[in-house]
């Protein structure tokens, strides 16, 4: 049991194109609507674990200001190109923003944070 936990960012770095191909066209509009109902129009969103940039692009098209970030360097590079703005290479555990956003979108990415580190991340 002394093994280090797997580094999920490394997995995404190695499987970037496959992951993007499987997730890029997923329609999350009903989930977006529930999330955005709690934000002011045009608000600022941290897309924590932005992956390919799919959700950042959707929010951007709806008039929101987005700050995308991901722990995978390959995903950051892809998202930066797709979104047309720099995505941050950052893990959830390394976020230091304080009251900088109207909402934080973290679609399925908190599962990569070790359980013991979740309280500090949240």
C-alpha atoms as a PDB file:
ATOM      1  CA  UNK A   1       0.000   0.000   0.000  1.00  0.00           C
ATOM      2  CA  UNK A   2       3.026   2.293   0.038  1.00  0.00           C
ATOM      3  CA  UNK A   3       2.725   3.077  -3.670  1.00  0.00           C
ATOM      4  CA  UNK A   4       2.155   6.655  -4.720  1.00  0.00           C
ATOM      5  CA  UNK A   5      -1.304   7.337  -6.154  1.00  0.00           C
ATOM      6  CA  UNK A   6      -1.463   7.370  -9.953  1.00  0.00           C
ATOM      7  CA  UNK A   7      -0.993  10.756 -11.540  1.00  0.00           C
ATOM      8  CA  UNK A   8      -4.133  11.335 -13.585  1.00  0.00           C
ATOM      9  CA  UNK A   9      -2.585  14.313 -15.386  1.00  0.00           C
ATOM     10  CA  UNK A  10      -0.021  11.909 -16.853  1.00  0.00           C
ATOM     11  CA  UNK A  11      -2.847   9.672 -18.094  1.00  0.00           C
ATOM     12  CA  UNK A  12      -4.535  12.633 -19.829  1.00  0.00           C
ATOM     13  CA  UNK A  13      -1.183  13.683 -21.301  1.00  0.00           C
ATOM     14  CA  UNK A  14      -0.831  10.215 -22.847  1.00  0.00           C
ATOM     15  CA  UNK A  15      -4.484   9.837 -23.960  1.00  0.00           C
ATOM     16  CA  UNK A  16      -5.364  13.403 -24.969  1.00  0.00           C
ATOM     17  CA  UNK A  17      -6.685  12.748 -28.466  1.00  0.00           C
ATOM     18  CA  UNK A  18      -8.741   9.699 -27.461  1.00  0.00           C
ATOM     19  CA  UNK A  19     -10.285  11.531 -24.505  1.00  0.00           C
ATOM     20  CA  UNK A  20     -11.137  14.557 -26.640  1.00  0.00           C
ATOM     21  CA  UNK A  21     -12.680  12.371 -29.353  1.00  0.00           C
ATOM     22  CA  UNK A  22     -14.906  10.650 -26.758  1.00  0.00           C
ATOM     23  CA  UNK A  23     -16.028  13.783 -24.911  1.00  0.00           C
ATOM     24  CA  UNK A  24     -15.904  16.792 -27.237  1.00  0.00           C
ATOM     25  CA  UNK A  25     -19.452  16.428 -28.578  1.00  0.00           C
ATOM     26  CA  UNK A  26     -21.219  15.622 -25.296  1.00  0.00           C
ATOM     27  CA  UNK A  27     -24.209  17.968 -24.902  1.00  0.00           C
ATOM     28  CA  UNK A  28     -24.272  19.341 -21.375  1.00  0.00           C
ATOM     29  CA  UNK A  29     -26.737  22.181 -21.994  1.00  0.00           C
ATOM     30  CA  UNK A  30     -29.190  21.023 -19.280  1.00  0.00           C
ATOM     31  CA  UNK A  31     -26.342  20.895 -16.747  1.00  0.00           C
ATOM     32  CA  UNK A  32     -25.020  24.277 -17.911  1.00  0.00           C
ATOM     33  CA  UNK A  33     -28.473  25.792 -17.413  1.00  0.00           C
ATOM     34  CA  UNK A  34     -28.668  24.572 -13.803  1.00  0.00           C
ATOM     35  CA  UNK A  35     -25.192  25.949 -13.049  1.00  0.00           C
ATOM     36  CA  UNK A  36     -25.643  29.284 -14.831  1.00  0.00           C
ATOM     37  CA  UNK A  37     -28.946  29.944 -13.049  1.00  0.00           C
ATOM     38  CA  UNK A  38     -26.818  30.809 -10.006  1.00  0.00           C
ATOM     39  CA  UNK A  39     -24.506  33.263 -11.805  1.00  0.00           C
ATOM     40  CA  UNK A  40     -24.991  36.822 -13.011  1.00  0.00           C
ATOM     41  CA  UNK A  41     -25.194  37.231 -16.794  1.00  0.00           C
ATOM     42  CA  UNK A  42     -21.688  37.623 -18.197  1.00  0.00           C
ATOM     43  CA  UNK A  43     -20.144  36.521 -14.891  1.00  0.00           C
ATOM     44  CA  UNK A  44     -16.643  35.165 -14.430  1.00  0.00           C
ATOM     45  CA  UNK A  45     -16.203  31.377 -14.333  1.00  0.00           C
ATOM     46  CA  UNK A  46     -13.178  29.309 -13.342  1.00  0.00           C
ATOM     47  CA  UNK A  47     -13.287  26.150 -15.470  1.00  0.00           C
ATOM     48  CA  UNK A  48     -11.323  23.953 -13.071  1.00  0.00           C
ATOM     49  CA  UNK A  49     -10.231  20.873 -14.975  1.00  0.00           C
ATOM     50  CA  UNK A  50     -11.125  22.314 -18.364  1.00  0.00           C
ATOM     51  CA  UNK A  51      -9.882  19.317 -20.346  1.00  0.00           C
ATOM     52  CA  UNK A  52     -10.310  19.997 -24.051  1.00  0.00           C
ATOM     53  CA  UNK A  53     -11.955  23.371 -23.436  1.00  0.00           C
ATOM     54  CA  UNK A  54     -15.421  22.160 -24.458  1.00  0.00           C
ATOM     55  CA  UNK A  55     -17.228  23.758 -21.516  1.00  0.00           C
ATOM     56  CA  UNK A  56     -15.139  26.936 -21.572  1.00  0.00           C
ATOM     57  CA  UNK A  57     -16.086  27.437 -25.218  1.00  0.00           C
ATOM     58  CA  UNK A  58     -19.776  26.901 -24.413  1.00  0.00           C
ATOM     59  CA  UNK A  59     -19.669  29.431 -21.565  1.00  0.00           C
ATOM     60  CA  UNK A  60     -17.709  31.880 -23.696  1.00  0.00           C
ATOM     61  CA  UNK A  61     -20.330  31.654 -26.462  1.00  0.00           C
ATOM     62  CA  UNK A  62     -23.011  32.420 -23.874  1.00  0.00           C
ATOM     63  CA  UNK A  63     -21.207  35.623 -22.925  1.00  0.00           C
ATOM     64  CA  UNK A  64     -19.366  34.545 -19.790  1.00  0.00           C
ATOM     65  CA  UNK A  65     -15.771  35.397 -18.978  1.00  0.00           C
ATOM     66  CA  UNK A  66     -13.842  32.194 -18.425  1.00  0.00           C
ATOM     67  CA  UNK A  67     -10.524  31.246 -16.892  1.00  0.00           C
ATOM     68  CA  UNK A  68      -9.695  27.684 -17.955  1.00  0.00           C
ATOM     69  CA  UNK A  69      -7.233  25.514 -16.038  1.00  0.00           C
ATOM     70  CA  UNK A  70      -6.135  21.892 -16.090  1.00  0.00           C
ATOM     71  CA  UNK A  71      -3.439  19.730 -14.500  1.00  0.00           C
ATOM     72  CA  UNK A  72      -2.612  18.028 -17.804  1.00  0.00           C
ATOM     73  CA  UNK A  73      -0.151  20.016 -19.898  1.00  0.00           C
ATOM     74  CA  UNK A  74      -1.428  18.376 -23.104  1.00  0.00           C
ATOM     75  CA  UNK A  75      -5.009  19.379 -22.256  1.00  0.00           C
ATOM     76  CA  UNK A  76      -3.880  22.919 -21.419  1.00  0.00           C
ATOM     77  CA  UNK A  77      -2.173  23.193 -24.796  1.00  0.00           C
ATOM     78  CA  UNK A  78      -5.223  21.843 -26.641  1.00  0.00           C
ATOM     79  CA  UNK A  79      -7.673  24.013 -24.672  1.00  0.00           C
ATOM     80  CA  UNK A  80      -5.564  27.134 -25.243  1.00  0.00           C
ATOM     81  CA  UNK A  81      -5.708  26.545 -28.984  1.00  0.00           C
ATOM     82  CA  UNK A  82      -9.420  25.661 -29.036  1.00  0.00           C
ATOM     83  CA  UNK A  83     -10.603  28.475 -26.765  1.00  0.00           C
ATOM     84  CA  UNK A  84      -8.374  31.157 -28.206  1.00  0.00           C
ATOM     85  CA  UNK A  85      -7.046  32.248 -24.839  1.00  0.00           C
ATOM     86  CA  UNK A  86      -4.443  30.894 -22.477  1.00  0.00           C
ATOM     87  CA  UNK A  87      -5.493  28.033 -20.242  1.00  0.00           C
ATOM     88  CA  UNK A  88      -3.589  27.757 -16.970  1.00  0.00           C
ATOM     89  CA  UNK A  89      -1.505  24.692 -16.163  1.00  0.00           C
ATOM     90  CA  UNK A  90      -2.723  24.251 -12.616  1.00  0.00           C
ATOM     91  CA  UNK A  91      -3.980  21.504 -10.298  1.00  0.00           C
ATOM     92  CA  UNK A  92      -7.001  22.047  -8.066  1.00  0.00           C
ATOM     93  CA  UNK A  93      -4.682  21.832  -5.059  1.00  0.00           C
ATOM     94  CA  UNK A  94      -2.615  24.755  -6.355  1.00  0.00           C
ATOM     95  CA  UNK A  95      -5.438  27.260  -6.914  1.00  0.00           C
ATOM     96  CA  UNK A  96      -4.841  30.450  -4.926  1.00  0.00           C
ATOM     97  CA  UNK A  97      -7.609  32.672  -6.301  1.00  0.00           C
ATOM     98  CA  UNK A  98      -9.740  34.262  -3.582  1.00  0.00           C
ATOM     99  CA  UNK A  99     -13.243  35.497  -4.404  1.00  0.00           C
ATOM    100  CA  UNK A 100     -12.189  36.021  -8.027  1.00  0.00           C
ATOM    101  CA  UNK A 101     -15.093  34.215  -9.691  1.00  0.00           C
ATOM    102  CA  UNK A 102     -18.861  34.190  -9.760  1.00  0.00           C
ATOM    103  CA  UNK A 103     -18.787  30.416 -10.200  1.00  0.00           C
ATOM    104  CA  UNK A 104     -16.406  27.489 -10.375  1.00  0.00           C
ATOM    105  CA  UNK A 105     -17.176  24.793 -12.922  1.00  0.00           C
ATOM    106  CA  UNK A 106     -15.438  21.513 -12.144  1.00  0.00           C
ATOM    107  CA  UNK A 107     -17.125  18.910 -14.335  1.00  0.00           C
ATOM    108  CA  UNK A 108     -15.965  15.479 -13.175  1.00  0.00           C
ATOM    109  CA  UNK A 109     -12.481  16.712 -12.286  1.00  0.00           C
ATOM    110  CA  UNK A 110     -12.648  16.737  -8.488  1.00  0.00           C
ATOM    111  CA  UNK A 111     -12.463  12.940  -8.610  1.00  0.00           C
ATOM    112  CA  UNK A 112      -8.757  13.366  -9.410  1.00  0.00           C
ATOM    113  CA  UNK A 113      -8.094  15.132  -6.109  1.00  0.00           C
ATOM    114  CA  UNK A 114      -6.997  12.691  -3.394  1.00  0.00           C
ATOM    115  CA  UNK A 115      -9.744  12.329  -0.791  1.00  0.00           C
ATOM    116  CA  UNK A 116      -7.523  13.642   2.013  1.00  0.00           C
ATOM    117  CA  UNK A 117      -6.904  16.865   0.036  1.00  0.00           C
ATOM    118  CA  UNK A 118     -10.546  17.580  -0.827  1.00  0.00           C
ATOM    119  CA  UNK A 119     -11.373  19.692   2.256  1.00  0.00           C
ATOM    120  CA  UNK A 120      -8.523  22.119   1.498  1.00  0.00           C
ATOM    121  CA  UNK A 121      -9.436  22.243  -2.213  1.00  0.00           C
ATOM    122  CA  UNK A 122     -13.086  22.943  -1.477  1.00  0.00           C
END
